[in-house]
């Protein structure tokens, strides 16, 4: 098994509980770790034998466009969409960070991590 990491993907999206967040939007950073068997691709050097990173990125981008109140909801949707689209993924971990959240003080980000394993 190998781990594929898509790190520090930046998206502008409209997630949050406050009405203003869903209108003005905010910057989000997504990190994704995937565990999959890459042995075939290691030998073939063929994209069809591994998880296509561009397709994973596009899947995440599609889910980031859908407004949500909670990071938990966004993360679950992304995990479900990626796991459904790529059957060779056995484990996935996601971290979503909302940059400079409206918390009433200076804060770099608030983050959520979720992980799932295929049964």
Protein backbone atom coordinates (compact mmCIF):
# COMPACT_ATOMS: atom_id res chain seq x y z
CA UNK A 1 0.00 0.00 0.00
CA UNK A 2 1.04 3.56 -0.70
CA UNK A 3 -0.12 6.95 0.48
CA UNK A 4 -0.95 9.68 -2.00
CA UNK A 5 -1.14 13.16 -0.49
CA UNK A 6 -2.83 16.16 -2.07
CA UNK A 7 -1.63 19.02 0.07
CA UNK A 8 -2.70 22.61 0.64
CA UNK A 9 -5.37 22.79 -2.05
CA UNK A 10 -6.92 26.26 -1.88
CA UNK A 11 -10.58 26.96 -2.60
CA UNK A 12 -12.78 30.01 -2.20
CA UNK A 13 -16.17 28.82 -0.97
CA UNK A 14 -19.30 29.83 0.92
CA UNK A 15 -19.41 27.57 3.99
CA UNK A 16 -20.38 28.75 7.44
CA UNK A 17 -23.21 29.18 9.91
CA UNK A 18 -23.37 32.94 9.60
CA UNK A 19 -25.46 34.41 6.77
CA UNK A 20 -22.53 36.70 5.87
CA UNK A 21 -20.20 33.71 5.37
CA UNK A 22 -22.60 32.24 2.84
CA UNK A 23 -22.69 35.56 0.95
CA UNK A 24 -19.13 36.90 1.23
CA UNK A 25 -17.32 33.55 1.29
CA UNK A 26 -13.93 32.62 2.66
CA UNK A 27 -10.67 30.89 1.80
CA UNK A 28 -10.40 27.17 2.61
CA UNK A 29 -7.42 24.83 2.52
CA UNK A 30 -7.97 21.10 1.96
CA UNK A 31 -5.45 18.32 2.60
CA UNK A 32 -6.23 14.78 1.54
CA UNK A 33 -4.38 11.54 2.24
CA UNK A 34 -5.26 8.44 0.24
CA UNK A 35 -4.11 4.90 0.83
CA UNK A 36 -4.19 2.69 -2.23
CA UNK A 37 -2.26 -0.09 -3.90
CA UNK A 38 0.11 1.52 -6.41
CA UNK A 39 2.14 -1.60 -7.21
CA UNK A 40 0.69 -1.99 -10.71
CA UNK A 41 1.35 1.68 -11.58
CA UNK A 42 4.87 1.43 -10.16
CA UNK A 43 5.63 -1.15 -12.83
CA UNK A 44 3.50 0.07 -15.73
CA UNK A 45 4.09 3.84 -15.45
CA UNK A 46 0.48 4.21 -16.63
CA UNK A 47 -2.05 6.66 -15.19
CA UNK A 48 -4.86 4.15 -15.70
CA UNK A 49 -3.22 1.93 -13.06
CA UNK A 50 -3.41 4.46 -10.23
CA UNK A 51 -5.64 7.13 -8.71
CA UNK A 52 -5.73 10.15 -11.02
CA UNK A 53 -4.84 13.14 -8.82
CA UNK A 54 -6.50 15.59 -11.21
CA UNK A 55 -9.80 13.73 -10.97
CA UNK A 56 -9.52 13.68 -7.17
CA UNK A 57 -8.86 17.44 -7.16
CA UNK A 58 -11.84 18.06 -9.47
CA UNK A 59 -14.09 15.94 -7.24
CA UNK A 60 -13.06 17.98 -4.20
CA UNK A 61 -13.62 21.21 -6.13
CA UNK A 62 -17.14 20.14 -7.10
CA UNK A 63 -18.03 19.47 -3.46
CA UNK A 64 -16.47 22.75 -2.29
CA UNK A 65 -18.91 24.61 -4.57
CA UNK A 66 -21.91 23.26 -2.63
CA UNK A 67 -22.73 25.59 0.29
CA UNK A 68 -22.78 24.06 3.75
CA UNK A 69 -23.07 25.36 7.27
CA UNK A 70 -20.53 22.98 8.80
CA UNK A 71 -17.03 21.82 7.86
CA UNK A 72 -18.12 18.38 9.09
CA UNK A 73 -20.74 18.24 6.35
CA UNK A 74 -18.33 19.40 3.64
CA UNK A 75 -15.70 16.86 4.71
CA UNK A 76 -18.20 13.98 4.73
CA UNK A 77 -19.47 14.88 1.25
CA UNK A 78 -15.92 15.03 -0.11
CA UNK A 79 -14.97 11.71 1.50
CA UNK A 80 -18.08 9.98 0.19
CA UNK A 81 -17.64 11.38 -3.34
CA UNK A 82 -13.96 10.42 -3.56
CA UNK A 83 -14.49 6.94 -2.10
CA UNK A 84 -17.41 6.33 -4.48
CA UNK A 85 -15.50 7.48 -7.56
CA UNK A 86 -12.23 5.65 -6.82
CA UNK A 87 -12.88 2.06 -5.76
CA UNK A 88 -9.17 1.28 -5.29
CA UNK A 89 -8.87 3.67 -2.33
CA UNK A 90 -8.83 1.68 0.90
CA UNK A 91 -8.38 4.56 3.38
CA UNK A 92 -8.85 8.30 3.19
CA UNK A 93 -8.15 11.17 5.59
CA UNK A 94 -9.23 14.74 4.98
CA UNK A 95 -8.40 17.98 6.74
CA UNK A 96 -10.35 21.13 5.90
CA UNK A 97 -9.26 24.51 7.24
CA UNK A 98 -11.31 27.69 7.16
CA UNK A 99 -8.85 30.56 7.01
CA UNK A 100 -9.37 33.58 9.27
CA UNK A 101 -12.79 32.51 10.60
CA UNK A 102 -15.08 35.16 12.10
CA UNK A 103 -14.45 34.25 15.75
CA UNK A 104 -14.22 37.74 17.21
CA UNK A 105 -10.42 37.72 17.38
CA UNK A 106 -7.31 37.03 15.36
CA UNK A 107 -7.08 33.38 14.32
CA UNK A 108 -5.20 31.81 11.41
CA UNK A 109 -7.70 29.00 10.83
CA UNK A 110 -10.07 26.48 12.27
CA UNK A 111 -9.73 22.91 10.99
CA UNK A 112 -11.55 19.61 10.95
CA UNK A 113 -10.12 16.16 10.24
CA UNK A 114 -12.11 13.07 9.30
CA UNK A 115 -11.03 9.68 8.06
CA UNK A 116 -12.71 6.62 6.68
CA UNK A 117 -11.74 3.09 5.71
CA UNK A 118 -13.39 0.92 3.09
CA UNK A 119 -15.04 -2.15 4.59
